[in-house]
Amino acid sequence: MAIARNGLILALASLLSTSCGYALAGRGSFLPAYIRVVGIPPLENRTQYQRVEQVLTDKVRTEFINRGKYSVIATTGGADAVLSGAITSIVVTPAGINTQQLASRYLFTVTMRVQFTDSRTSEILWSNDALAFREEYDLSKPGVDVQAAAFIEQEGPAFERISTDLARTVVSAILEAF
């Protein structure tokens, strides 16, 4: 009887002490614990579109801050790690038309070079020389014929949405080591 009871206690303790090892996406980080301050200087813009680097840099900074674990500074000095990068291309392609045969939906493909470096060791913790982000977005002004090249400049709110999604993708890739 004592052996059965001890076996039952051992089995219960074993079940209660095990965990599946899963964590919520976006909550973990493979980064060293001493990384608390992230330097994010302005991204380079190697495209024809103006201001996209400013918007995207701000969104990446905000995304790191929203993770709640990191302080963000706009320079490399004093940072535990530094995110650097360049927007290398933006391709805007009509993806849908409305009843007037005007483009109403666009496919955005943004390609970036991104590197995340440990300032203490100069080790590259994560990098991607051809990070591609593709997403479709509706034109916010139905019935207006806007050329793809002018879309980003004329549709600030649309690029704000794109930048938010792209920043989330970049930060998640860095923190989750994808």
N, C-alpha and C. Protein backbone atom coordinates (compact mmCIF):
# COMPACT_ATOMS: atom_id res chain seq x y z
N MET A 1 0.82 -1.19 0.00
CA MET A 1 0.00 0.00 0.00
C MET A 1 0.87 1.26 0.00
N ALA A 2 1.91 1.26 0.82
CA ALA A 2 2.80 2.40 0.91
C ALA A 2 3.53 2.60 -0.42
N ILE A 3 3.89 1.50 -1.09
CA ILE A 3 4.58 1.61 -2.37
C ILE A 3 3.65 2.21 -3.42
N ALA A 4 2.39 1.79 -3.43
CA ALA A 4 1.42 2.32 -4.40
C ALA A 4 1.18 3.81 -4.14
N ARG A 5 1.06 4.18 -2.84
CA ARG A 5 0.84 5.58 -2.49
C ARG A 5 2.05 6.43 -2.89
N ASN A 6 3.25 5.95 -2.62
CA ASN A 6 4.47 6.67 -3.01
C ASN A 6 4.55 6.80 -4.53
N GLY A 7 4.17 5.74 -5.24
CA GLY A 7 4.16 5.78 -6.71
C GLY A 7 3.16 6.80 -7.22
N LEU A 8 1.99 6.88 -6.58
CA LEU A 8 0.96 7.84 -6.98
C LEU A 8 1.43 9.26 -6.71
N ILE A 9 2.07 9.48 -5.57
CA ILE A 9 2.59 10.81 -5.23
C ILE A 9 3.68 11.21 -6.22
N LEU A 10 4.55 10.27 -6.55
CA LEU A 10 5.62 10.55 -7.50
C LEU A 10 5.05 10.86 -8.89
N ALA A 11 4.04 10.13 -9.31
CA ALA A 11 3.42 10.37 -10.62
C ALA A 11 2.74 11.74 -10.65
N LEU A 12 2.03 12.10 -9.57
CA LEU A 12 1.38 13.41 -9.49
C LEU A 12 2.41 14.53 -9.50
N ALA A 13 3.46 14.39 -8.73
CA ALA A 13 4.51 15.40 -8.69
C ALA A 13 5.15 15.58 -10.06
N SER A 14 5.35 14.46 -10.76
CA SER A 14 5.93 14.52 -12.08
C SER A 14 5.02 15.26 -13.06
N LEU A 15 3.73 14.97 -13.00
CA LEU A 15 2.78 15.65 -13.89
C LEU A 15 2.68 17.15 -13.59
N LEU A 16 2.68 17.50 -12.31
CA LEU A 16 2.53 18.90 -11.94
C LEU A 16 3.78 19.72 -12.23
N SER A 17 4.92 19.08 -12.25
CA SER A 17 6.16 19.84 -12.44
C SER A 17 6.58 19.97 -13.90
N THR A 18 5.91 19.26 -14.79
CA THR A 18 6.30 19.36 -16.19
C THR A 18 5.58 20.52 -16.86
N SER A 19 6.22 21.06 -17.87
CA SER A 19 5.57 22.11 -18.67
C SER A 19 5.86 21.82 -20.12
N CYS A 20 5.07 22.39 -20.98
CA CYS A 20 5.17 22.05 -22.39
C CYS A 20 6.32 22.78 -23.08
N GLY A 21 6.83 23.86 -22.51
CA GLY A 21 7.93 24.57 -23.14
C GLY A 21 7.49 25.62 -24.14
N TYR A 22 6.20 25.75 -24.35
CA TYR A 22 5.71 26.75 -25.28
C TYR A 22 5.58 28.09 -24.59
N ALA A 23 5.73 29.14 -25.37
CA ALA A 23 5.55 30.51 -24.86
C ALA A 23 4.77 31.27 -25.91
N LEU A 24 4.15 32.35 -25.50
CA LEU A 24 3.41 33.17 -26.44
C LEU A 24 4.37 33.84 -27.40
N ALA A 25 4.02 33.85 -28.66
CA ALA A 25 4.85 34.53 -29.65
C ALA A 25 4.91 36.01 -29.35
N GLY A 26 6.09 36.59 -29.53
CA GLY A 26 6.24 38.02 -29.30
C GLY A 26 6.57 38.37 -27.86
N ARG A 27 6.60 37.40 -26.98
CA ARG A 27 6.86 37.68 -25.57
C ARG A 27 8.24 37.25 -25.13
N GLY A 28 8.83 36.30 -25.84
CA GLY A 28 10.13 35.80 -25.47
C GLY A 28 11.24 36.58 -26.16
N SER A 29 12.47 36.24 -25.80
CA SER A 29 13.60 36.86 -26.46
C SER A 29 14.81 35.96 -26.27
N PHE A 30 15.57 35.80 -27.33
CA PHE A 30 16.79 35.02 -27.23
C PHE A 30 17.98 35.91 -26.92
N LEU A 31 17.76 37.21 -26.78
CA LEU A 31 18.85 38.16 -26.57
C LEU A 31 19.44 38.00 -25.17
N PRO A 32 20.73 38.33 -25.01
CA PRO A 32 21.34 38.29 -23.68
C PRO A 32 20.59 39.20 -22.71
N ALA A 33 20.53 38.80 -21.47
CA ALA A 33 19.76 39.54 -20.45
C ALA A 33 20.30 40.95 -20.22
N TYR A 34 21.59 41.19 -20.47
CA TYR A 34 22.14 42.52 -20.21
C TYR A 34 21.73 43.55 -21.26
N ILE A 35 21.11 43.12 -22.33
CA ILE A 35 20.66 44.09 -23.33
C ILE A 35 19.37 44.72 -22.85
N ARG A 36 19.49 45.96 -22.44
CA ARG A 36 18.35 46.72 -21.93
C ARG A 36 18.14 48.01 -22.72
N VAL A 37 19.22 48.53 -23.31
CA VAL A 37 19.15 49.77 -24.09
C VAL A 37 19.50 49.45 -25.54
N VAL A 38 18.57 49.76 -26.43
CA VAL A 38 18.76 49.49 -27.84
C VAL A 38 18.92 50.81 -28.58
N GLY A 39 20.02 50.93 -29.29
CA GLY A 39 20.25 52.11 -30.12
C GLY A 39 19.69 51.88 -31.52
N ILE A 40 18.84 52.80 -31.95
CA ILE A 40 18.26 52.69 -33.29
C ILE A 40 18.46 54.02 -34.00
N PRO A 41 19.62 54.19 -34.65
CA PRO A 41 19.83 55.41 -35.43
C PRO A 41 18.93 55.37 -36.67
N PRO A 42 18.78 56.49 -37.35
CA PRO A 42 17.91 56.51 -38.53
C PRO A 42 18.32 55.46 -39.57
N LEU A 43 17.34 54.79 -40.12
CA LEU A 43 17.59 53.84 -41.20
C LEU A 43 18.00 54.61 -42.45
N GLU A 44 18.74 53.96 -43.30
CA GLU A 44 19.09 54.56 -44.59
C GLU A 44 17.93 54.36 -45.56
N ASN A 45 17.77 55.30 -46.46
CA ASN A 45 16.75 55.19 -47.49
C ASN A 45 17.42 55.12 -48.84
N ARG A 46 17.36 53.97 -49.47
CA ARG A 46 17.96 53.78 -50.79
C ARG A 46 16.87 53.66 -51.86
N THR A 47 15.73 54.27 -51.58
CA THR A 47 14.63 54.23 -52.53
C THR A 47 14.34 55.63 -53.05
N GLN A 48 13.41 55.71 -53.97
CA GLN A 48 13.01 57.00 -54.53
C GLN A 48 11.98 57.72 -53.67
N TYR A 49 11.46 57.04 -52.67
CA TYR A 49 10.40 57.62 -51.85
C TYR A 49 10.99 58.44 -50.71
N GLN A 50 10.44 59.61 -50.53
CA GLN A 50 10.92 60.50 -49.48
C GLN A 50 10.25 60.18 -48.15
N ARG A 51 10.99 60.38 -47.07
CA ARG A 51 10.49 60.28 -45.71
C ARG A 51 10.19 58.87 -45.20
N VAL A 52 10.27 57.85 -46.05
CA VAL A 52 9.92 56.51 -45.60
C VAL A 52 10.86 56.03 -44.49
N GLU A 53 12.13 56.44 -44.55
CA GLU A 53 13.08 56.02 -43.52
C GLU A 53 12.74 56.64 -42.17
N GLN A 54 12.23 57.87 -42.17
CA GLN A 54 11.84 58.52 -40.91
C GLN A 54 10.65 57.82 -40.28
N VAL A 55 9.65 57.54 -41.09
CA VAL A 55 8.44 56.88 -40.59
C VAL A 55 8.79 55.49 -40.07
N LEU A 56 9.54 54.73 -40.86
CA LEU A 56 9.86 53.36 -40.47
C LEU A 56 10.79 53.32 -39.25
N THR A 57 11.75 54.22 -39.17
CA THR A 57 12.63 54.27 -37.98
C THR A 57 11.80 54.53 -36.74
N ASP A 58 10.89 55.48 -36.80
CA ASP A 58 10.02 55.79 -35.65
C ASP A 58 9.17 54.59 -35.26
N LYS A 59 8.65 53.87 -36.24
CA LYS A 59 7.80 52.71 -35.95
C LYS A 59 8.60 51.57 -35.33
N VAL A 60 9.83 51.36 -35.79
CA VAL A 60 10.68 50.31 -35.20
C VAL A 60 11.02 50.67 -33.75
N ARG A 61 11.34 51.92 -33.51
CA ARG A 61 11.62 52.37 -32.13
C ARG A 61 10.40 52.14 -31.25
N THR A 62 9.24 52.52 -31.74
CA THR A 62 8.00 52.36 -30.96
C THR A 62 7.72 50.89 -30.68
N GLU A 63 7.95 50.04 -31.66
CA GLU A 63 7.71 48.60 -31.47
C GLU A 63 8.63 48.03 -30.39
N PHE A 64 9.91 48.42 -30.37
CA PHE A 64 10.81 47.97 -29.31
C PHE A 64 10.32 48.48 -27.95
N ILE A 65 9.92 49.73 -27.89
CA ILE A 65 9.43 50.30 -26.63
C ILE A 65 8.17 49.57 -26.16
N ASN A 66 7.28 49.25 -27.09
CA ASN A 66 6.03 48.57 -26.74
C ASN A 66 6.25 47.17 -26.19
N ARG A 67 7.40 46.60 -26.48
CA ARG A 67 7.69 45.28 -25.92
C ARG A 67 7.93 45.36 -24.41
N GLY A 68 8.12 46.59 -23.89
CA GLY A 68 8.19 46.83 -22.46
C GLY A 68 9.47 46.45 -21.77
N LYS A 69 10.39 45.86 -22.47
CA LYS A 69 11.60 45.36 -21.83
C LYS A 69 12.83 46.20 -22.17
N TYR A 70 12.69 47.08 -23.16
CA TYR A 70 13.85 47.78 -23.67
C TYR A 70 13.66 49.29 -23.64
N SER A 71 14.76 49.99 -23.36
CA SER A 71 14.80 51.44 -23.55
C SER A 71 15.41 51.66 -24.92
N VAL A 72 14.94 52.67 -25.61
CA VAL A 72 15.42 52.92 -26.97
C VAL A 72 16.02 54.31 -27.03
N ILE A 73 17.19 54.39 -27.65
CA ILE A 73 17.82 55.68 -27.89
C ILE A 73 18.09 55.82 -29.39
N ALA A 74 18.24 57.04 -29.84
CA ALA A 74 18.38 57.30 -31.28
C ALA A 74 19.83 57.28 -31.76
N THR A 75 20.76 56.95 -30.86
CA THR A 75 22.17 56.92 -31.23
C THR A 75 22.78 55.57 -30.88
N THR A 76 24.02 55.38 -31.30
CA THR A 76 24.71 54.12 -30.99
C THR A 76 25.45 54.19 -29.66
N GLY A 77 25.87 55.39 -29.26
CA GLY A 77 26.61 55.56 -28.01
C GLY A 77 25.72 55.29 -26.80
N GLY A 78 26.20 54.46 -25.90
CA GLY A 78 25.45 54.15 -24.69
C GLY A 78 24.45 53.02 -24.85
N ALA A 79 24.40 52.41 -26.02
CA ALA A 79 23.45 51.32 -26.26
C ALA A 79 24.11 49.97 -26.00
N ASP A 80 23.33 49.04 -25.49
CA ASP A 80 23.81 47.67 -25.28
C ASP A 80 23.82 46.90 -26.61
N ALA A 81 22.90 47.28 -27.50
CA ALA A 81 22.82 46.68 -28.82
C ALA A 81 22.34 47.75 -29.79
N VAL A 82 22.67 47.57 -31.05
CA VAL A 82 22.33 48.57 -32.07
C VAL A 82 21.64 47.89 -33.25
N LEU A 83 20.53 48.47 -33.66
CA LEU A 83 19.84 48.05 -34.86
C LEU A 83 20.20 49.03 -35.97
N SER A 84 20.74 48.52 -37.04
CA SER A 84 21.06 49.37 -38.19
C SER A 84 20.47 48.74 -39.43
N GLY A 85 20.25 49.56 -40.43
CA GLY A 85 19.70 48.98 -41.64
C GLY A 85 19.41 50.01 -42.71
N ALA A 86 18.92 49.49 -43.81
CA ALA A 86 18.59 50.33 -44.96
C ALA A 86 17.36 49.76 -45.66
N ILE A 87 16.52 50.66 -46.11
CA ILE A 87 15.39 50.27 -46.95
C ILE A 87 15.96 50.25 -48.37
N THR A 88 16.03 49.08 -48.97
CA THR A 88 16.70 48.95 -50.25
C THR A 88 15.75 49.03 -51.44
N SER A 89 14.49 48.68 -51.25
CA SER A 89 13.55 48.85 -52.35
C SER A 89 12.12 48.84 -51.84
N ILE A 90 11.28 49.53 -52.57
CA ILE A 90 9.84 49.52 -52.33
C ILE A 90 9.20 49.37 -53.70
N VAL A 91 8.43 48.32 -53.85
CA VAL A 91 7.71 48.09 -55.10
C VAL A 91 6.23 48.12 -54.77
N VAL A 92 5.51 48.95 -55.52
CA VAL A 92 4.08 49.11 -55.32
C VAL A 92 3.39 48.65 -56.61
N THR A 93 2.55 47.61 -56.49
CA THR A 93 1.91 47.04 -57.65
C THR A 93 0.40 47.01 -57.45
N PRO A 94 -0.37 47.48 -58.41
CA PRO A 94 -1.83 47.35 -58.27
C PRO A 94 -2.22 45.88 -58.13
N ALA A 95 -3.10 45.59 -57.18
CA ALA A 95 -3.49 44.20 -56.92
C ALA A 95 -4.99 44.00 -57.04
N GLY A 96 -5.73 45.07 -57.19
CA GLY A 96 -7.18 44.96 -57.32
C GLY A 96 -7.73 46.20 -57.99
N ILE A 97 -8.84 46.03 -58.68
CA ILE A 97 -9.46 47.18 -59.33
C ILE A 97 -10.91 47.30 -58.88
N ASN A 98 -11.42 48.51 -58.97
CA ASN A 98 -12.82 48.75 -58.59
C ASN A 98 -13.71 48.72 -59.84
N THR A 99 -14.96 49.06 -59.67
CA THR A 99 -15.90 49.01 -60.79
C THR A 99 -15.59 50.03 -61.88
N GLN A 100 -14.85 51.08 -61.55
CA GLN A 100 -14.43 52.06 -62.56
C GLN A 100 -13.12 51.67 -63.24
N GLN A 101 -12.64 50.46 -62.97
CA GLN A 101 -11.39 49.95 -63.52
C GLN A 101 -10.17 50.73 -63.04
N LEU A 102 -10.25 51.30 -61.85
CA LEU A 102 -9.12 51.99 -61.23
C LEU A 102 -8.55 51.10 -60.14
N ALA A 103 -7.26 51.22 -59.92
CA ALA A 103 -6.62 50.43 -58.86
C ALA A 103 -7.22 50.82 -57.52
N SER A 104 -7.65 49.82 -56.77
CA SER A 104 -8.23 50.07 -55.45
C SER A 104 -7.46 49.36 -54.35
N ARG A 105 -6.57 48.49 -54.73
CA ARG A 105 -5.78 47.72 -53.77
C ARG A 105 -4.37 47.59 -54.33
N TYR A 106 -3.38 47.75 -53.46
CA TYR A 106 -1.99 47.69 -53.89
C TYR A 106 -1.23 46.65 -53.08
N LEU A 107 -0.31 45.97 -53.75
CA LEU A 107 0.62 45.06 -53.09
C LEU A 107 1.91 45.84 -52.87
N PHE A 108 2.31 45.95 -51.62
CA PHE A 108 3.56 46.62 -51.27
C PHE A 108 4.59 45.54 -50.97
N THR A 109 5.75 45.68 -51.58
CA THR A 109 6.87 44.81 -51.27
C THR A 109 8.02 45.72 -50.86
N VAL A 110 8.39 45.62 -49.59
CA VAL A 110 9.48 46.44 -49.05
C VAL A 110 10.63 45.48 -48.73
N THR A 111 11.80 45.81 -49.24
CA THR A 111 12.99 45.00 -48.97
C THR A 111 13.97 45.84 -48.16
N MET A 112 14.52 45.21 -47.12
CA MET A 112 15.43 45.91 -46.22
C MET A 112 16.66 45.07 -45.95
N ARG A 113 17.72 45.76 -45.56
CA ARG A 113 18.90 45.13 -44.99
C ARG A 113 18.88 45.55 -43.52
N VAL A 114 18.88 44.57 -42.61
CA VAL A 114 18.79 44.87 -41.18
C VAL A 114 19.85 44.07 -40.43
N GLN A 115 20.47 44.72 -39.44
CA GLN A 115 21.47 44.05 -38.62
C GLN A 115 21.29 44.49 -37.17
N PHE A 116 21.38 43.53 -36.26
CA PHE A 116 21.26 43.81 -34.83
C PHE A 116 22.54 43.32 -34.18
N THR A 117 23.31 44.26 -33.62
CA THR A 117 24.66 43.97 -33.13
C THR A 117 24.78 44.21 -31.64
N ASP A 118 25.42 43.29 -30.95
CA ASP A 118 25.73 43.44 -29.52
C ASP A 118 26.87 44.44 -29.40
N SER A 119 26.65 45.53 -28.70
CA SER A 119 27.68 46.58 -28.59
C SER A 119 28.87 46.15 -27.74
N ARG A 120 28.65 45.27 -26.79
CA ARG A 120 29.76 44.82 -25.92
C ARG A 120 30.75 43.95 -26.68
N THR A 121 30.22 43.01 -27.46
CA THR A 121 31.06 42.01 -28.10
C THR A 121 31.26 42.25 -29.60
N SER A 122 30.52 43.18 -30.17
CA SER A 122 30.49 43.45 -31.62
C SER A 122 29.98 42.25 -32.41
N GLU A 123 29.37 41.31 -31.72
CA GLU A 123 28.80 40.14 -32.37
C GLU A 123 27.47 40.51 -33.02
N ILE A 124 27.28 40.05 -34.24
CA ILE A 124 26.00 40.25 -34.92
C ILE A 124 25.05 39.20 -34.37
N LEU A 125 24.04 39.66 -33.65
CA LEU A 125 23.08 38.75 -33.03
C LEU A 125 22.02 38.27 -34.02
N TRP A 126 21.70 39.14 -34.97
CA TRP A 126 20.70 38.80 -35.99
C TRP A 126 20.91 39.70 -37.19
N SER A 127 20.77 39.15 -38.37
CA SER A 127 20.86 39.98 -39.57
C SER A 127 20.08 39.33 -40.70
N ASN A 128 19.65 40.18 -41.61
CA ASN A 128 18.99 39.71 -42.82
C ASN A 128 19.28 40.75 -43.89
N ASP A 129 20.00 40.35 -44.91
CA ASP A 129 20.37 41.28 -45.98
C ASP A 129 19.27 41.50 -47.00
N ALA A 130 18.23 40.69 -46.94
CA ALA A 130 17.14 40.81 -47.91
C ALA A 130 15.80 40.51 -47.24
N LEU A 131 15.53 41.19 -46.14
CA LEU A 131 14.26 41.01 -45.45
C LEU A 131 13.16 41.57 -46.34
N ALA A 132 12.24 40.73 -46.74
CA ALA A 132 11.15 41.17 -47.63
C ALA A 132 9.83 41.14 -46.88
N PHE A 133 9.11 42.22 -47.00
CA PHE A 133 7.79 42.34 -46.39
C PHE A 133 6.80 42.59 -47.52
N ARG A 134 5.77 41.74 -47.61
CA ARG A 134 4.76 41.89 -48.65
C ARG A 134 3.38 41.92 -48.00
N GLU A 135 2.61 42.89 -48.39
CA GLU A 135 1.24 42.98 -47.86
C GLU A 135 0.40 43.80 -48.81
N GLU A 136 -0.88 43.46 -48.87
CA GLU A 136 -1.82 44.23 -49.68
C GLU A 136 -2.56 45.23 -48.80
N TYR A 137 -2.80 46.42 -49.35
CA TYR A 137 -3.51 47.46 -48.64
C TYR A 137 -4.51 48.12 -49.58
N ASP A 138 -5.66 48.47 -49.03
CA ASP A 138 -6.68 49.18 -49.80
C ASP A 138 -6.30 50.64 -49.94
N LEU A 139 -6.66 51.21 -51.06
CA LEU A 139 -6.51 52.63 -51.29
C LEU A 139 -7.54 53.34 -50.43
N SER A 140 -7.12 54.36 -49.68
CA SER A 140 -8.04 55.00 -48.75
C SER A 140 -8.99 55.98 -49.42
N LYS A 141 -8.74 56.31 -50.68
CA LYS A 141 -9.63 57.23 -51.41
C LYS A 141 -10.23 56.49 -52.59
N PRO A 142 -11.36 55.81 -52.40
CA PRO A 142 -11.95 55.05 -53.49
C PRO A 142 -12.28 55.94 -54.68
N GLY A 143 -12.05 55.40 -55.86
CA GLY A 143 -12.41 56.12 -57.07
C GLY A 143 -11.39 57.13 -57.53
N VAL A 144 -10.27 57.25 -56.84
CA VAL A 144 -9.24 58.19 -57.22
C VAL A 144 -8.12 57.40 -57.90
N ASP A 145 -7.74 57.82 -59.10
CA ASP A 145 -6.66 57.14 -59.81
C ASP A 145 -5.33 57.70 -59.34
N VAL A 146 -4.59 56.90 -58.61
CA VAL A 146 -3.30 57.33 -58.08
C VAL A 146 -2.23 56.41 -58.67
N GLN A 147 -1.23 56.98 -59.26
CA GLN A 147 -0.12 56.19 -59.79
C GLN A 147 0.62 55.55 -58.62
N ALA A 148 1.11 54.35 -58.82
CA ALA A 148 1.78 53.61 -57.74
C ALA A 148 2.94 54.38 -57.15
N ALA A 149 3.71 55.06 -58.00
CA ALA A 149 4.88 55.79 -57.50
C ALA A 149 4.48 56.93 -56.58
N ALA A 150 3.31 57.52 -56.81
CA ALA A 150 2.85 58.63 -55.98
C ALA A 150 2.05 58.16 -54.78
N PHE A 151 1.70 56.89 -54.76
CA PHE A 151 0.82 56.38 -53.71
C PHE A 151 1.37 56.62 -52.31
N ILE A 152 2.63 56.27 -52.09
CA ILE A 152 3.22 56.41 -50.76
C ILE A 152 3.25 57.87 -50.33
N GLU A 153 3.65 58.75 -51.24
CA GLU A 153 3.76 60.16 -50.89
C GLU A 153 2.39 60.79 -50.63
N GLN A 154 1.37 60.38 -51.38
CA GLN A 154 0.05 60.97 -51.24
C GLN A 154 -0.79 60.29 -50.17
N GLU A 155 -0.45 59.08 -49.84
CA GLU A 155 -1.24 58.31 -48.89
C GLU A 155 -0.46 58.06 -47.61
N GLY A 156 -0.18 59.14 -46.87
CA GLY A 156 0.55 59.02 -45.62
C GLY A 156 -0.03 58.00 -44.67
N PRO A 157 -1.35 58.00 -44.44
CA PRO A 157 -1.93 57.01 -43.53
C PRO A 157 -1.70 55.57 -43.98
N ALA A 158 -1.71 55.33 -45.28
CA ALA A 158 -1.47 53.98 -45.78
C ALA A 158 -0.04 53.54 -45.45
N PHE A 159 0.94 54.43 -45.67
CA PHE A 159 2.31 54.05 -45.35
C PHE A 159 2.53 53.94 -43.85
N GLU A 160 1.78 54.70 -43.06
CA GLU A 160 1.83 54.54 -41.60
C GLU A 160 1.44 53.11 -41.22
N ARG A 161 0.35 52.60 -41.82
CA ARG A 161 -0.10 51.23 -41.53
C ARG A 161 0.95 50.22 -41.97
N ILE A 162 1.49 50.42 -43.16
CA ILE A 162 2.52 49.52 -43.68
C ILE A 162 3.73 49.52 -42.75
N SER A 163 4.16 50.70 -42.33
CA SER A 163 5.34 50.82 -41.46
C SER A 163 5.11 50.15 -40.12
N THR A 164 3.91 50.27 -39.58
CA THR A 164 3.59 49.61 -38.31
C THR A 164 3.72 48.10 -38.46
N ASP A 165 3.15 47.55 -39.52
CA ASP A 165 3.23 46.10 -39.75
C ASP A 165 4.67 45.66 -40.02
N LEU A 166 5.40 46.44 -40.79
CA LEU A 166 6.78 46.10 -41.10
C LEU A 166 7.66 46.17 -39.86
N ALA A 167 7.46 47.18 -39.03
CA ALA A 167 8.24 47.31 -37.79
C ALA A 167 7.98 46.12 -36.87
N ARG A 168 6.74 45.70 -36.77
CA ARG A 168 6.39 44.54 -35.94
C ARG A 168 7.10 43.30 -36.48
N THR A 169 7.16 43.15 -37.79
CA THR A 169 7.84 42.03 -38.41
C THR A 169 9.33 42.04 -38.11
N VAL A 170 9.97 43.20 -38.23
CA VAL A 170 11.41 43.33 -37.98
C VAL A 170 11.73 43.02 -36.52
N VAL A 171 11.02 43.63 -35.59
CA VAL A 171 11.31 43.45 -34.16
C VAL A 171 11.04 42.01 -33.74
N SER A 172 9.95 41.43 -34.22
CA SER A 172 9.66 40.01 -33.88
C SER A 172 10.76 39.10 -34.42
N ALA A 173 11.23 39.37 -35.62
CA ALA A 173 12.30 38.54 -36.19
C ALA A 173 13.56 38.62 -35.33
N ILE A 174 13.89 39.82 -34.86
CA ILE A 174 15.08 40.01 -34.03
C ILE A 174 14.91 39.32 -32.68
N LEU A 175 13.81 39.58 -32.01
CA LEU A 175 13.62 39.05 -30.66
C LEU A 175 13.39 37.54 -30.63
N GLU A 176 12.81 37.02 -31.68
CA GLU A 176 12.50 35.60 -31.69
C GLU A 176 13.48 34.80 -32.55
N ALA A 177 14.50 35.48 -33.07
CA ALA A 177 15.60 34.86 -33.84
C ALA A 177 15.12 34.09 -35.05
N PHE A 178 14.17 34.64 -35.78
CA PHE A 178 13.69 33.99 -37.00
C PHE A 178 14.58 34.34 -38.15
